[in-house]
Protein backbone atom coordinates (compact mmCIF):
# COMPACT_ATOMS: atom_id res chain seq x y z
CA MET A 1 105.03 111.53 51.95
CA THR A 2 104.19 115.24 51.93
CA SER A 3 101.07 116.05 49.93
CA ASP A 4 100.65 119.01 47.57
CA THR A 5 98.30 120.67 50.04
CA GLN A 6 100.85 120.31 52.83
CA ARG A 7 103.57 121.89 50.66
CA ILE A 8 101.31 124.83 49.89
CA GLU A 9 100.30 125.24 53.54
CA ARG A 10 103.97 125.26 54.58
CA GLU A 11 104.65 128.17 52.24
CA LEU A 12 101.54 130.01 53.38
CA SER A 13 102.62 129.64 57.01
CA TYR A 14 105.87 131.40 56.12
CA LEU A 15 103.89 134.41 54.88
CA LYS A 16 102.05 134.81 58.19
CA GLY A 17 105.02 136.56 59.75
CA ILE A 18 105.74 138.76 56.74
CA LYS A 19 104.76 142.42 56.95
CA ALA A 20 104.52 142.95 53.22
CA LYS A 21 102.14 142.52 50.33
CA THR A 22 101.92 138.85 49.50
CA ALA A 23 101.83 137.02 46.20
CA ALA A 24 101.93 133.51 44.82
CA PHE A 25 103.23 132.50 41.40
CA ILE A 26 101.90 129.46 39.56
CA SER A 27 104.05 128.55 36.57
CA THR A 28 104.58 125.70 34.14
CA THR A 29 107.53 124.34 32.20
CA ALA A 30 108.03 122.72 28.80
CA ARG A 31 110.07 120.01 30.50
CA LYS A 32 108.10 117.00 31.64
CA SER A 33 108.28 116.49 35.39
CA SER A 34 106.16 114.83 38.02
CA GLY A 35 104.38 116.44 40.92
CA LEU A 36 103.97 119.96 42.18
CA ARG A 37 107.29 121.68 42.96
CA VAL A 38 107.91 124.45 45.46
CA LEU A 39 110.32 127.06 44.08
CA PRO A 40 112.46 129.56 46.08
CA ARG A 41 110.69 132.47 47.75
CA ARG A 42 111.19 136.00 46.45
CA SER A 43 111.03 139.50 47.93
CA ALA A 44 111.24 142.96 46.37
CA LEU A 45 109.48 146.35 46.39
CA GLY A 46 107.55 145.50 49.54
CA PHE A 47 106.26 142.20 48.10
CA THR A 48 107.01 138.67 49.25
CA ALA A 49 106.09 135.80 46.97
CA ILE A 50 105.83 132.05 47.27
CA ASN A 51 106.21 130.06 44.08
CA PHE A 52 104.92 126.79 42.66
CA LEU A 53 105.57 124.84 39.48
CA VAL A 54 102.75 122.63 38.16
CA THR A 55 102.57 120.18 35.28
CA GLU A 56 98.94 119.09 35.52
CA MET A 57 95.68 120.98 35.84
CA ASN A 58 94.71 119.11 39.02
CA GLN A 59 97.88 120.42 40.70
CA ALA A 60 96.98 123.94 39.57
CA ARG A 61 93.43 123.62 40.93
CA VAL A 62 94.78 122.58 44.32
CA CYS A 63 96.98 125.68 44.31
CA PHE A 64 94.17 128.01 43.26
CA CYS A 65 91.79 126.81 45.94
CA ALA A 66 94.41 126.78 48.71
CA LEU A 67 95.80 130.22 47.88
CA ASP A 68 92.61 132.14 47.09
CA GLY A 69 92.05 134.88 49.66
CA ARG A 70 95.23 134.04 51.57
CA VAL A 71 97.60 136.05 49.39
CA ASP A 72 96.97 139.47 47.89
CA TYR A 73 97.95 138.54 44.34
CA ILE A 74 98.13 135.29 42.39
CA PHE A 75 100.30 135.45 39.26
CA ILE A 76 99.44 132.91 36.57
CA ASP A 77 101.90 131.79 33.89
CA ILE A 78 100.32 132.87 30.60
CA GLU A 79 102.93 131.18 28.38
CA HIS A 80 101.53 128.12 26.61
CA LYS A 81 104.43 125.73 27.15
CA GLN A 82 102.22 122.64 27.43
CA ASP A 83 98.63 121.74 26.56
CA LEU A 84 97.71 123.37 29.84
CA THR A 85 95.82 126.68 29.92
CA LEU A 86 95.97 127.89 33.50
CA ILE A 87 94.55 131.38 33.22
CA HIS A 88 90.95 130.44 32.36
CA GLU A 89 90.70 127.98 35.24
CA ALA A 90 92.36 130.48 37.57
CA ARG A 91 89.84 133.18 36.72
CA ARG A 92 87.01 130.69 37.28
CA LEU A 93 88.20 129.43 40.67
CA ILE A 94 89.96 132.42 42.22
CA THR A 95 87.44 134.94 43.54
CA ARG A 96 89.15 136.77 46.44
CA SER A 97 92.79 137.25 45.49
CA LYS A 98 93.72 139.50 42.56
CA VAL A 99 94.64 137.43 39.49
CA LEU A 100 97.44 138.71 37.24
CA THR A 101 99.34 137.08 34.40
CA CYS A 102 103.12 136.66 34.26
CA LYS A 103 105.66 135.61 31.61
CA PRO A 104 108.39 133.57 33.29
CA ASN A 105 110.39 133.21 30.08
CA ASP A 106 110.79 136.97 29.83
CA ALA A 107 111.86 137.16 33.47
CA THR A 108 114.38 134.37 32.78
CA ILE A 109 115.92 136.40 29.97
CA GLU A 110 116.02 139.51 32.16
CA SER A 111 117.78 137.47 34.85
CA CYS A 112 120.33 136.10 32.42
CA ASP A 113 120.96 139.55 30.96
CA LEU A 114 121.40 141.10 34.42
CA LEU A 115 123.79 138.35 35.53
CA ILE A 116 125.96 138.80 32.44
CA ARG A 117 126.01 142.58 32.70
CA HIS A 118 126.93 142.37 36.37
CA HIS A 119 129.70 139.85 35.75
CA TYR A 120 131.33 141.90 33.01
CA ALA A 121 130.59 145.36 34.48
CA ASP A 122 128.21 146.02 31.56
CA ARG A 123 131.01 145.76 28.97
CA LEU A 124 129.77 143.18 26.48
CA GLU A 125 130.95 144.76 23.24
CA ASN A 126 132.91 142.28 21.08
CA LYS A 127 132.62 139.51 23.68
CA SER A 128 132.35 136.08 22.05
CA VAL A 129 129.27 134.11 23.08
CA LEU A 130 128.18 130.54 22.41
CA VAL A 131 124.44 130.08 22.94
CA ILE A 132 123.41 126.42 22.98
CA GLY A 133 119.81 125.64 22.08
CA SER A 134 117.20 126.66 19.52
CA GLY A 135 114.15 127.25 21.68
CA ASN A 136 112.38 130.33 22.99
CA LEU A 137 114.96 131.23 25.64
CA SER A 138 118.13 130.63 23.64
CA THR A 139 116.68 132.62 20.74
CA LYS A 140 115.78 135.56 22.96
CA ILE A 141 119.13 135.72 24.76
CA ALA A 142 121.00 135.45 21.46
CA LEU A 143 119.09 138.47 20.17
CA ARG A 144 119.58 140.40 23.41
CA LEU A 145 123.36 139.86 23.47
CA ALA A 146 123.81 140.65 19.78
CA GLU A 147 121.95 143.90 20.41
CA ARG A 148 124.52 144.58 23.14
CA GLN A 149 127.23 144.25 20.46
CA ALA A 150 128.45 140.80 21.47
CA ASN A 151 129.52 138.31 18.80
CA VAL A 152 127.00 135.50 19.14
CA HIS A 153 127.29 131.94 17.82
CA LEU A 154 124.17 129.79 17.98
CA GLN A 155 124.37 126.00 18.15
CA SER A 156 121.79 123.25 18.59
CA ARG A 157 121.18 119.63 17.65
CA ASN A 158 118.95 120.79 14.77
CA GLN A 159 121.31 122.63 12.45
CA GLN A 160 118.61 123.47 9.90
CA LYS A 161 116.44 125.10 12.56
CA THR A 162 119.47 126.93 13.99
CA VAL A 163 120.28 128.42 10.58
CA GLN A 164 116.67 129.55 10.13
CA ILE A 165 116.63 131.16 13.58
CA ALA A 166 119.89 133.00 12.98
CA GLU A 167 118.64 134.28 9.63
CA ALA A 168 115.39 135.48 11.21
CA LEU A 169 117.17 137.20 14.10
CA ASN A 170 119.58 138.93 11.75
CA LEU A 171 116.62 140.35 9.83
CA ILE A 172 115.39 142.16 12.94
CA LEU A 173 118.70 143.13 14.53
CA PRO A 174 119.63 146.82 14.39
CA LYS A 175 121.39 147.49 11.11
CA PHE A 176 124.97 147.73 12.37
CA SER A 177 124.83 144.97 15.00
CA PRO A 178 127.23 142.02 14.61
CA PRO A 179 125.28 139.24 12.87
CA ILE A 180 124.38 136.09 14.77
CA GLN A 181 126.08 133.04 13.28
CA ALA A 182 124.61 129.54 13.22
CA ILE A 183 127.41 127.02 13.70
CA GLU A 184 127.51 123.24 13.57
CA GLU A 185 130.67 122.69 15.62
CA PRO A 186 132.30 125.45 17.71
CA GLN A 187 135.97 125.91 16.87
CA GLN A 188 137.10 128.89 18.96
CA HIS A 189 137.40 130.13 22.53
CA TYR A 190 134.37 131.85 24.03
CA THR A 191 134.03 134.53 26.67
CA MET A 192 130.58 133.18 27.52
CA MET A 193 128.75 129.91 27.06
CA ILE A 194 125.02 129.90 27.79
CA SER A 195 122.84 126.83 27.60
CA PHE A 196 119.05 126.74 27.39
CA LEU A 197 118.27 123.09 26.66
CA SER A 198 115.27 121.04 27.78
CA ALA A 199 117.47 117.91 28.04
CA GLU A 200 119.51 117.10 31.15
CA ARG A 201 123.22 116.22 31.46
CA ILE A 202 123.93 116.75 27.77
CA ILE A 203 126.91 119.13 27.68
CA GLY A 204 130.07 117.16 28.36
CA PRO A 205 133.81 117.78 28.82
CA ASN A 206 134.31 118.10 25.05
CA TYR A 207 133.22 121.72 25.50
CA LEU A 208 135.99 122.50 28.01
CA PRO A 209 138.64 123.41 25.38
CA LEU A 210 136.34 126.24 24.24
CA LEU A 211 136.72 128.01 27.60
CA ASN A 212 139.49 129.81 29.45
CA THR A 213 139.95 131.13 32.99
CA HIS A 214 138.05 134.33 32.14
CA SER A 215 135.02 132.57 30.66
CA LEU A 216 131.52 132.63 32.09
CA VAL A 217 129.23 129.59 31.88
CA ILE A 218 125.49 129.81 32.58
CA ASP A 219 123.22 126.79 32.92
CA GLY A 220 119.93 128.43 31.93
CA GLY A 221 118.10 125.20 31.16
CA ILE A 222 119.04 123.81 34.60
CA ASN A 223 120.98 120.54 34.75
CA ASN A 224 122.22 120.88 31.17
CA PHE A 225 125.83 120.13 32.13
CA THR A 226 127.37 116.78 32.97
CA THR A 227 129.33 116.31 36.18
CA PRO A 228 132.68 115.94 34.35
CA PHE A 229 132.05 119.24 32.53
CA ILE A 230 131.26 121.12 35.75
CA GLN A 231 134.26 119.64 37.56
CA GLY A 232 136.55 120.45 34.64
CA ALA A 233 135.23 124.00 34.28
CA LEU A 234 135.64 124.75 37.99
CA ALA A 235 139.14 123.27 37.98
CA LYS A 236 139.95 125.54 35.04
CA GLY A 237 138.81 128.61 36.98
CA VAL A 238 135.71 129.22 34.86
CA ALA A 239 132.87 131.13 36.54
CA CYS A 240 129.92 128.69 36.54
CA TYR A 241 126.34 129.67 37.36
CA ARG A 242 123.02 127.89 37.48
CA LEU A 243 120.68 130.71 36.52
CA ASP A 244 118.62 132.03 39.43
CA VAL A 245 115.60 133.83 37.99
CA ARG A 246 114.91 135.67 41.25
CA ILE A 247 117.31 138.34 39.98
CA ALA A 248 114.48 139.68 37.82
CA PHE A 249 111.62 139.36 40.31
CA LEU A 250 111.20 143.13 39.91
CA TYR A 251 110.18 142.53 36.30
CA HIS A 252 107.02 140.74 37.43
CA LEU A 253 106.14 143.54 39.84
CA LEU A 254 106.37 146.47 37.44
CA LEU A 255 102.61 146.64 36.87
CA LEU A 256 102.03 146.84 40.63
CA SER A 257 104.85 149.29 41.37
CA ASN A 258 104.22 152.82 42.62
CA GLU A 259 106.16 154.10 39.62
CA ALA A 260 103.83 152.39 37.12
CA GLU A 261 100.75 153.56 39.02
CA ALA A 262 102.10 157.11 39.10
CA PHE A 263 102.75 157.03 35.37
CA PHE A 264 99.21 155.97 34.52
CA SER A 265 97.56 158.34 37.02
CA GLN A 266 99.87 161.37 37.01
CA VAL A 267 101.95 161.35 33.81
CA MET A 268 99.73 159.87 31.10
CA GLY A 269 96.53 161.64 30.25
CA ARG A 270 94.56 164.26 28.38
CA ILE A 271 93.25 167.42 30.05
CA THR A 272 91.21 170.12 28.38
CA VAL A 273 92.68 173.52 29.19
CA PRO A 274 89.88 175.74 30.63
CA ASP A 275 88.51 178.34 28.21
CA LYS A 276 90.87 177.12 25.49
CA ARG A 277 90.36 175.18 22.29
CA TYR A 278 93.09 172.65 22.89
CA ASP A 279 94.10 169.88 25.28
CA MET A 280 97.25 169.07 27.20
CA VAL A 281 98.47 165.53 26.49
CA SER A 282 101.28 163.39 27.84
CA GLY A 283 102.52 159.84 28.27
CA GLY A 284 102.27 158.79 24.64
CA ILE A 285 98.68 159.85 24.04
CA ILE A 286 98.38 161.11 20.46
CA GLY A 287 97.14 164.67 20.51
CA ASN A 288 94.93 166.42 18.02
CA GLN A 289 96.60 169.06 15.89
CA GLY A 290 97.40 172.04 18.07
CA ASP A 291 97.30 170.22 21.42
CA LEU A 292 100.05 171.03 23.88
CA ILE A 293 102.40 168.12 24.64
CA VAL A 294 103.86 168.17 28.16
CA ASP A 295 106.02 165.81 30.22
CA GLN A 296 103.30 164.94 32.76
CA VAL A 297 99.70 165.91 32.50
CA MET A 298 98.84 166.47 36.18
CA THR A 299 101.82 168.62 37.21
CA PRO A 300 103.75 169.51 34.06
CA THR A 301 107.33 170.71 34.38
CA GLN A 302 108.26 170.72 30.70
CA VAL A 303 106.62 171.74 27.44
CA VAL A 304 107.57 169.26 24.72
CA GLY A 305 105.85 171.06 21.85
CA ILE A 306 102.71 171.23 19.74
CA ALA A 307 101.04 168.05 18.44
CA ASP A 308 100.84 167.68 14.66
CA GLY A 309 97.77 165.40 14.88
CA PHE A 310 99.64 162.39 13.49
CA GLY A 311 101.51 161.22 16.59
CA GLY A 312 104.41 163.64 16.18
CA VAL A 313 105.53 167.11 17.20
CA LYS A 314 105.25 170.11 14.90
CA PRO A 315 108.49 171.84 13.91
CA PRO A 316 108.56 175.31 15.54
CA SER A 317 108.84 176.83 12.08
CA GLU A 318 105.31 175.60 11.35
CA TYR A 319 103.65 177.01 14.49
CA THR A 320 100.69 179.29 13.94
CA GLN A 321 100.59 182.58 15.83
CA ASP A 322 98.12 181.04 18.31
CA GLU A 323 100.43 178.07 18.88
CA LYS A 324 103.42 180.36 19.50
CA GLN A 325 101.38 182.23 22.09
CA ARG A 326 100.25 178.91 23.56
CA ILE A 327 103.86 177.81 24.03
CA ALA A 328 104.92 181.17 25.47
CA HIS A 329 102.00 181.26 27.91
CA SER A 330 102.64 177.70 29.07
CA LEU A 331 106.36 178.27 29.59
CA LYS A 332 105.64 181.41 31.58
CA ALA A 333 103.17 179.51 33.79
CA LEU A 334 105.67 176.70 34.36
CA ASN A 335 108.45 179.10 35.27
CA SER A 336 106.14 180.82 37.76
CA ASN A 337 105.26 177.51 39.38
CA GLN A 338 108.94 176.52 39.69
CA GLU A 339 110.02 179.78 41.36
């Protein structure tokens, strides 16, 4: 039998031939399972990652010790799905690799959203959607799709909880979005059926009449569908997917991307203009009254306006004479630089 250490070493050996920045992801799941699992490898933006799923702290410790110093970054699941707090132990044991947190549930939703948008060429308005489940993931995807103007029905085994979730989501949806409906038994055809259940083999062939040849079915909870359902859906011509969360690997890498680094170092900031009584600000920094707001603080190409001191931009009609001159001088300097 292959030990946990051997599984980790096998993945590390794969990275030896990779000319890229390396990372390892350690995640958990709400579903009870036994043993450390090796998940599919991922690559994007010059990063290659190996991935492990743990359900016990001892498995996590083995990972931390084996990976430390042998990958550039170790991403730790910060979501508290079980009575298992990985991040504190990771920061205690990992001393050579860079430790970062990750939120796999958010990446799962991004993956599901991307898959749906790709499948329907980003035309989701008025599509009918059945979301099965009342947990974190089903709630988030229901909200996301309703915001994209789809008509979302939410169903779970706990009808009372489903009603409460739908009511809560409708309170925070944009005002003119189609409301999410909690249903007990689906009675119509659906363009999409998405399942995020923690139970396995629970959705049976009784759901087949809800689908047609143009429907899309996504198993987000993994192994939610029974064999007869899958066989019947495929025979019907339904597009069936088991959600692959690697689609949104980029989401995890945003903090490390060149674009994010450039934003924090080149775009966002506050610079005092020499011999002047005001600053240039950009990137969301709230300026003092009279500060000049620009598009990027290091090499501005656009003057946004004058700060009102409260997080907003002054109307031009309220500019003082000095502020008008400030704008005119800045625009002249920008035009000179762009010629």
